[in-house]
Amino acid sequence: MNPHRAFRAAVEAGDARTATAAFHPDATLHSPAVFEPYAGRETIGLLLGILLDVFEDFRYTDEFAAPDGARALLFRTRIGERELQGLDVLRFDEDGRITDLTVMIRPQTGLEALIRAVAPRLAAARKPA
């Protein structure tokens, strides 16, 4: 299975572990909510687990390929009553591992609902034991 297809299938199945395994150890994730990227597969995996937990009715609706091998996956999901549309832009290394993921979300009210749902969970997960 192609690397982007493995990632897509894992996300659609709600399987954060398999989705995380598709990333290079030094990958970055650019969030629509914060300026600084999330760095490293472990940190990205933590965030993916939270996102897959809060997203409802998540589905990819379209996929586009760039000449350089990058993939763009458009999605729709819901958080409570708020509908969201999003875009995942994936870039890969020569071994097919994801090195960079940029996420965009619309509309602003959907992004705000996402931040309200994710921020406290992420803060709690990052607290030292």
N, C-alpha and C. Protein backbone atom coordinates (compact mmCIF):
# COMPACT_ATOMS: atom_id res chain seq x y z
N MET A 1 0.85 -1.18 0.00
CA MET A 1 0.00 0.00 0.00
C MET A 1 0.89 1.25 0.00
N ASN A 2 0.53 2.23 -0.81
CA ASN A 2 1.29 3.48 -0.85
C ASN A 2 1.26 4.16 0.51
N PRO A 3 2.34 4.86 0.89
CA PRO A 3 2.40 5.49 2.22
C PRO A 3 1.23 6.44 2.49
N HIS A 4 0.85 7.26 1.51
CA HIS A 4 -0.25 8.18 1.77
C HIS A 4 -1.56 7.44 1.92
N ARG A 5 -1.70 6.33 1.22
CA ARG A 5 -2.93 5.53 1.36
C ARG A 5 -2.98 4.85 2.73
N ALA A 6 -1.83 4.40 3.22
CA ALA A 6 -1.78 3.78 4.55
C ALA A 6 -2.16 4.82 5.62
N PHE A 7 -1.63 6.03 5.49
CA PHE A 7 -1.97 7.10 6.44
C PHE A 7 -3.47 7.40 6.35
N ARG A 8 -3.95 7.58 5.13
CA ARG A 8 -5.37 7.91 4.94
C ARG A 8 -6.26 6.83 5.54
N ALA A 9 -5.97 5.58 5.26
CA ALA A 9 -6.78 4.47 5.78
C ALA A 9 -6.76 4.44 7.30
N ALA A 10 -5.59 4.68 7.90
CA ALA A 10 -5.49 4.67 9.36
C ALA A 10 -6.31 5.80 9.97
N VAL A 11 -6.22 6.99 9.40
CA VAL A 11 -6.98 8.13 9.93
C VAL A 11 -8.48 7.86 9.78
N GLU A 12 -8.89 7.38 8.62
CA GLU A 12 -10.31 7.10 8.40
C GLU A 12 -10.83 6.03 9.35
N ALA A 13 -9.94 5.11 9.77
CA ALA A 13 -10.33 4.06 10.71
C ALA A 13 -10.21 4.52 12.17
N GLY A 14 -9.70 5.73 12.39
CA GLY A 14 -9.51 6.21 13.75
C GLY A 14 -8.34 5.56 14.45
N ASP A 15 -7.38 5.04 13.70
CA ASP A 15 -6.23 4.30 14.23
C ASP A 15 -5.02 5.23 14.34
N ALA A 16 -4.90 5.91 15.46
CA ALA A 16 -3.81 6.89 15.65
C ALA A 16 -2.45 6.21 15.65
N ARG A 17 -2.34 5.02 16.17
CA ARG A 17 -1.04 4.34 16.23
C ARG A 17 -0.49 4.07 14.83
N THR A 18 -1.32 3.54 13.96
CA THR A 18 -0.87 3.26 12.60
C THR A 18 -0.62 4.55 11.83
N ALA A 19 -1.46 5.54 12.01
CA ALA A 19 -1.26 6.84 11.36
C ALA A 19 0.06 7.45 11.80
N THR A 20 0.36 7.38 13.08
CA THR A 20 1.60 7.93 13.62
C THR A 20 2.82 7.21 13.07
N ALA A 21 2.71 5.91 12.89
CA ALA A 21 3.84 5.12 12.37
C ALA A 21 4.23 5.55 10.96
N ALA A 22 3.35 6.24 10.24
CA ALA A 22 3.65 6.69 8.88
C ALA A 22 4.60 7.89 8.85
N PHE A 23 4.85 8.49 10.01
CA PHE A 23 5.69 9.69 10.08
C PHE A 23 7.16 9.36 10.29
N HIS A 24 8.01 10.16 9.70
CA HIS A 24 9.45 10.13 9.97
C HIS A 24 9.64 10.56 11.43
N PRO A 25 10.63 10.04 12.15
CA PRO A 25 10.82 10.43 13.56
C PRO A 25 10.99 11.93 13.76
N ASP A 26 11.53 12.64 12.77
CA ASP A 26 11.75 14.09 12.90
C ASP A 26 10.72 14.92 12.14
N ALA A 27 9.56 14.37 11.88
CA ALA A 27 8.52 15.06 11.12
C ALA A 27 8.01 16.29 11.86
N THR A 28 7.37 17.16 11.11
CA THR A 28 6.71 18.33 11.69
C THR A 28 5.25 18.36 11.26
N LEU A 29 4.43 18.91 12.13
CA LEU A 29 3.01 19.12 11.85
C LEU A 29 2.72 20.60 12.07
N HIS A 30 2.19 21.24 11.04
CA HIS A 30 1.84 22.65 11.11
C HIS A 30 0.34 22.74 11.35
N SER A 31 -0.02 23.23 12.52
CA SER A 31 -1.40 23.30 12.96
C SER A 31 -2.06 24.59 12.49
N PRO A 32 -3.37 24.55 12.27
CA PRO A 32 -4.08 25.79 11.94
C PRO A 32 -4.31 26.66 13.17
N ALA A 33 -4.01 26.12 14.35
CA ALA A 33 -4.34 26.82 15.59
C ALA A 33 -3.16 27.51 16.26
N VAL A 34 -1.93 27.06 15.99
CA VAL A 34 -0.76 27.65 16.63
C VAL A 34 0.32 27.89 15.60
N PHE A 35 1.17 28.89 15.85
CA PHE A 35 2.20 29.26 14.89
C PHE A 35 3.34 28.26 14.86
N GLU A 36 3.84 27.86 16.02
CA GLU A 36 4.97 26.93 16.09
C GLU A 36 4.52 25.53 15.70
N PRO A 37 5.28 24.86 14.83
CA PRO A 37 4.89 23.49 14.45
C PRO A 37 5.13 22.51 15.59
N TYR A 38 4.39 21.43 15.55
CA TYR A 38 4.63 20.30 16.46
C TYR A 38 5.76 19.50 15.83
N ALA A 39 6.76 19.17 16.62
CA ALA A 39 7.95 18.51 16.09
C ALA A 39 8.10 17.11 16.67
N GLY A 40 8.38 16.16 15.80
CA GLY A 40 8.67 14.80 16.22
C GLY A 40 7.46 13.88 16.16
N ARG A 41 7.72 12.64 15.77
CA ARG A 41 6.65 11.66 15.63
C ARG A 41 5.89 11.44 16.93
N GLU A 42 6.58 11.43 18.05
CA GLU A 42 5.90 11.19 19.34
C GLU A 42 4.89 12.29 19.65
N THR A 43 5.30 13.53 19.47
CA THR A 43 4.40 14.67 19.72
C THR A 43 3.24 14.68 18.74
N ILE A 44 3.55 14.41 17.47
CA ILE A 44 2.50 14.35 16.46
C ILE A 44 1.51 13.24 16.79
N GLY A 45 2.01 12.10 17.23
CA GLY A 45 1.14 10.99 17.61
C GLY A 45 0.21 11.35 18.74
N LEU A 46 0.71 12.07 19.73
CA LEU A 46 -0.13 12.52 20.84
C LEU A 46 -1.27 13.39 20.33
N LEU A 47 -0.93 14.34 19.47
CA LEU A 47 -1.94 15.23 18.91
C LEU A 47 -2.93 14.47 18.03
N LEU A 48 -2.43 13.57 17.18
CA LEU A 48 -3.32 12.79 16.32
C LEU A 48 -4.32 11.98 17.14
N GLY A 49 -3.86 11.38 18.23
CA GLY A 49 -4.76 10.61 19.08
C GLY A 49 -5.88 11.46 19.63
N ILE A 50 -5.56 12.66 20.06
CA ILE A 50 -6.58 13.58 20.58
C ILE A 50 -7.53 13.99 19.47
N LEU A 51 -6.98 14.35 18.31
CA LEU A 51 -7.84 14.78 17.20
C LEU A 51 -8.79 13.68 16.78
N LEU A 52 -8.29 12.47 16.64
CA LEU A 52 -9.15 11.37 16.21
C LEU A 52 -10.21 11.05 17.25
N ASP A 53 -9.95 11.41 18.50
CA ASP A 53 -10.92 11.21 19.56
C ASP A 53 -12.03 12.27 19.52
N VAL A 54 -11.69 13.50 19.17
CA VAL A 54 -12.70 14.57 19.19
C VAL A 54 -13.45 14.72 17.87
N PHE A 55 -12.85 14.29 16.77
CA PHE A 55 -13.55 14.38 15.48
C PHE A 55 -14.70 13.40 15.45
N GLU A 56 -15.83 13.85 14.90
CA GLU A 56 -17.00 12.99 14.71
C GLU A 56 -17.29 12.92 13.22
N ASP A 57 -17.64 11.75 12.74
CA ASP A 57 -18.00 11.56 11.33
C ASP A 57 -16.88 12.02 10.39
N PHE A 58 -15.63 11.75 10.75
CA PHE A 58 -14.50 12.18 9.93
C PHE A 58 -14.48 11.38 8.63
N ARG A 59 -14.24 12.08 7.52
CA ARG A 59 -14.08 11.41 6.24
C ARG A 59 -13.28 12.28 5.29
N TYR A 60 -12.39 11.65 4.54
CA TYR A 60 -11.70 12.33 3.46
C TYR A 60 -12.65 12.35 2.27
N THR A 61 -12.72 13.48 1.58
CA THR A 61 -13.65 13.63 0.47
C THR A 61 -12.96 13.72 -0.88
N ASP A 62 -11.73 14.19 -0.91
CA ASP A 62 -10.99 14.36 -2.16
C ASP A 62 -9.51 14.19 -1.89
N GLU A 63 -8.78 13.87 -2.95
CA GLU A 63 -7.33 13.71 -2.84
C GLU A 63 -6.69 14.25 -4.11
N PHE A 64 -5.59 14.99 -3.94
CA PHE A 64 -4.87 15.56 -5.06
C PHE A 64 -3.39 15.24 -4.91
N ALA A 65 -2.73 15.03 -6.04
CA ALA A 65 -1.29 14.74 -6.04
C ALA A 65 -0.55 15.88 -6.73
N ALA A 66 0.56 16.29 -6.14
CA ALA A 66 1.43 17.31 -6.73
C ALA A 66 2.54 16.63 -7.51
N PRO A 67 3.12 17.32 -8.47
CA PRO A 67 4.21 16.72 -9.26
C PRO A 67 5.40 16.26 -8.42
N ASP A 68 5.63 16.91 -7.27
CA ASP A 68 6.77 16.53 -6.42
C ASP A 68 6.46 15.37 -5.48
N GLY A 69 5.25 14.78 -5.59
CA GLY A 69 4.89 13.65 -4.75
C GLY A 69 4.06 14.01 -3.53
N ALA A 70 3.92 15.29 -3.23
CA ALA A 70 3.08 15.70 -2.10
C ALA A 70 1.63 15.32 -2.39
N ARG A 71 0.87 15.14 -1.33
CA ARG A 71 -0.55 14.81 -1.44
C ARG A 71 -1.37 15.81 -0.64
N ALA A 72 -2.52 16.15 -1.18
CA ALA A 72 -3.47 16.99 -0.47
C ALA A 72 -4.74 16.17 -0.27
N LEU A 73 -5.16 16.05 0.99
CA LEU A 73 -6.35 15.29 1.33
C LEU A 73 -7.37 16.26 1.94
N LEU A 74 -8.51 16.42 1.27
CA LEU A 74 -9.57 17.26 1.81
C LEU A 74 -10.47 16.42 2.68
N PHE A 75 -10.93 16.99 3.79
CA PHE A 75 -11.78 16.23 4.69
C PHE A 75 -12.94 17.06 5.22
N ARG A 76 -13.90 16.35 5.75
CA ARG A 76 -15.03 16.94 6.48
C ARG A 76 -15.15 16.18 7.79
N THR A 77 -15.54 16.91 8.81
CA THR A 77 -15.75 16.30 10.11
C THR A 77 -16.68 17.21 10.91
N ARG A 78 -16.93 16.82 12.13
CA ARG A 78 -17.81 17.58 13.00
C ARG A 78 -17.26 17.51 14.41
N ILE A 79 -17.47 18.59 15.14
CA ILE A 79 -17.20 18.62 16.58
C ILE A 79 -18.47 19.15 17.21
N GLY A 80 -19.19 18.25 17.87
CA GLY A 80 -20.50 18.65 18.39
C GLY A 80 -21.40 19.05 17.23
N GLU A 81 -21.97 20.25 17.32
CA GLU A 81 -22.86 20.75 16.27
C GLU A 81 -22.12 21.49 15.17
N ARG A 82 -20.81 21.66 15.32
CA ARG A 82 -20.03 22.49 14.40
C ARG A 82 -19.42 21.64 13.29
N GLU A 83 -19.76 21.96 12.05
CA GLU A 83 -19.19 21.30 10.87
C GLU A 83 -17.86 21.95 10.51
N LEU A 84 -16.90 21.14 10.09
CA LEU A 84 -15.59 21.64 9.67
C LEU A 84 -15.22 21.06 8.32
N GLN A 85 -14.49 21.84 7.56
CA GLN A 85 -13.82 21.35 6.36
C GLN A 85 -12.34 21.55 6.60
N GLY A 86 -11.55 20.64 6.07
CA GLY A 86 -10.12 20.77 6.28
C GLY A 86 -9.31 20.23 5.13
N LEU A 87 -8.03 20.50 5.22
CA LEU A 87 -7.07 20.08 4.21
C LEU A 87 -5.81 19.61 4.92
N ASP A 88 -5.37 18.41 4.59
CA ASP A 88 -4.09 17.89 5.05
C ASP A 88 -3.14 17.89 3.85
N VAL A 89 -2.01 18.57 3.95
CA VAL A 89 -0.99 18.54 2.90
C VAL A 89 0.18 17.73 3.44
N LEU A 90 0.46 16.61 2.78
CA LEU A 90 1.47 15.67 3.22
C LEU A 90 2.68 15.71 2.29
N ARG A 91 3.87 15.76 2.89
CA ARG A 91 5.13 15.67 2.13
C ARG A 91 5.90 14.47 2.68
N PHE A 92 6.63 13.81 1.80
CA PHE A 92 7.27 12.53 2.12
C PHE A 92 8.77 12.55 1.86
N ASP A 93 9.49 11.67 2.57
CA ASP A 93 10.91 11.47 2.26
C ASP A 93 11.04 10.38 1.21
N GLU A 94 12.27 10.05 0.85
CA GLU A 94 12.51 9.06 -0.21
C GLU A 94 12.06 7.65 0.18
N ASP A 95 11.85 7.41 1.47
CA ASP A 95 11.37 6.11 1.93
C ASP A 95 9.86 6.06 2.09
N GLY A 96 9.19 7.17 1.75
CA GLY A 96 7.73 7.20 1.83
C GLY A 96 7.18 7.61 3.18
N ARG A 97 8.05 7.99 4.12
CA ARG A 97 7.57 8.42 5.44
C ARG A 97 7.17 9.90 5.36
N ILE A 98 6.14 10.26 6.10
CA ILE A 98 5.67 11.65 6.12
C ILE A 98 6.70 12.48 6.87
N THR A 99 7.17 13.54 6.24
CA THR A 99 8.13 14.45 6.87
C THR A 99 7.46 15.75 7.30
N ASP A 100 6.34 16.07 6.67
CA ASP A 100 5.69 17.35 6.95
C ASP A 100 4.19 17.21 6.68
N LEU A 101 3.40 17.67 7.63
CA LEU A 101 1.95 17.70 7.49
C LEU A 101 1.48 19.09 7.85
N THR A 102 0.82 19.75 6.90
CA THR A 102 0.22 21.05 7.14
C THR A 102 -1.29 20.86 7.13
N VAL A 103 -1.95 21.36 8.16
CA VAL A 103 -3.40 21.20 8.30
C VAL A 103 -4.05 22.58 8.25
N MET A 104 -5.10 22.68 7.47
CA MET A 104 -5.90 23.92 7.41
C MET A 104 -7.34 23.55 7.70
N ILE A 105 -8.04 24.44 8.41
CA ILE A 105 -9.42 24.21 8.82
C ILE A 105 -10.25 25.45 8.49
N ARG A 106 -11.47 25.22 8.06
CA ARG A 106 -12.43 26.30 7.88
C ARG A 106 -13.78 25.80 8.35
N PRO A 107 -14.72 26.59 8.68
CA PRO A 107 -14.63 28.03 8.88
C PRO A 107 -14.00 28.35 10.24
N GLN A 108 -13.85 29.62 10.52
CA GLN A 108 -13.22 30.04 11.77
C GLN A 108 -13.98 29.48 12.98
N THR A 109 -15.30 29.45 12.91
CA THR A 109 -16.06 28.91 14.04
C THR A 109 -15.77 27.43 14.26
N GLY A 110 -15.49 26.71 13.18
CA GLY A 110 -15.09 25.31 13.30
C GLY A 110 -13.73 25.17 13.93
N LEU A 111 -12.80 26.03 13.53
CA LEU A 111 -11.47 26.03 14.13
C LEU A 111 -11.56 26.37 15.62
N GLU A 112 -12.39 27.32 15.96
CA GLU A 112 -12.57 27.68 17.38
C GLU A 112 -13.12 26.51 18.18
N ALA A 113 -14.07 25.77 17.62
CA ALA A 113 -14.61 24.58 18.30
C ALA A 113 -13.52 23.53 18.47
N LEU A 114 -12.68 23.38 17.45
CA LEU A 114 -11.57 22.42 17.53
C LEU A 114 -10.60 22.81 18.64
N ILE A 115 -10.25 24.07 18.71
CA ILE A 115 -9.33 24.54 19.76
C ILE A 115 -9.92 24.29 21.14
N ARG A 116 -11.20 24.60 21.32
CA ARG A 116 -11.85 24.38 22.62
C ARG A 116 -11.85 22.90 23.01
N ALA A 117 -11.99 22.02 22.03
CA ALA A 117 -12.03 20.59 22.32
C ALA A 117 -10.65 20.00 22.55
N VAL A 118 -9.64 20.50 21.83
CA VAL A 118 -8.31 19.89 21.87
C VAL A 118 -7.41 20.49 22.94
N ALA A 119 -7.43 21.79 23.11
CA ALA A 119 -6.47 22.47 24.00
C ALA A 119 -6.42 21.87 25.41
N PRO A 120 -7.54 21.67 26.11
CA PRO A 120 -7.43 21.12 27.46
C PRO A 120 -6.91 19.68 27.48
N ARG A 121 -7.25 18.90 26.50
CA ARG A 121 -6.76 17.51 26.43
C ARG A 121 -5.25 17.48 26.17
N LEU A 122 -4.81 18.36 25.27
CA LEU A 122 -3.38 18.41 24.96
C LEU A 122 -2.59 18.90 26.16
N ALA A 123 -3.10 19.91 26.85
CA ALA A 123 -2.43 20.41 28.04
C ALA A 123 -2.33 19.33 29.12
N ALA A 124 -3.42 18.59 29.32
CA ALA A 124 -3.41 17.51 30.32
C ALA A 124 -2.46 16.41 29.93
N ALA A 125 -2.38 16.08 28.65
CA ALA A 125 -1.49 15.00 28.18
C ALA A 125 -0.02 15.40 28.28
N ARG A 126 0.26 16.68 28.22
CA ARG A 126 1.64 17.15 28.26
C ARG A 126 2.15 17.44 29.67
N LYS A 127 1.26 17.40 30.67
CA LYS A 127 1.71 17.64 32.05
C LYS A 127 2.64 16.54 32.50
N PRO A 128 3.72 16.91 33.18
CA PRO A 128 4.63 15.88 33.69
C PRO A 128 3.91 14.99 34.71
N ALA A 129 4.27 13.74 34.70
CA ALA A 129 3.62 12.78 35.63
C ALA A 129 4.08 12.98 37.05
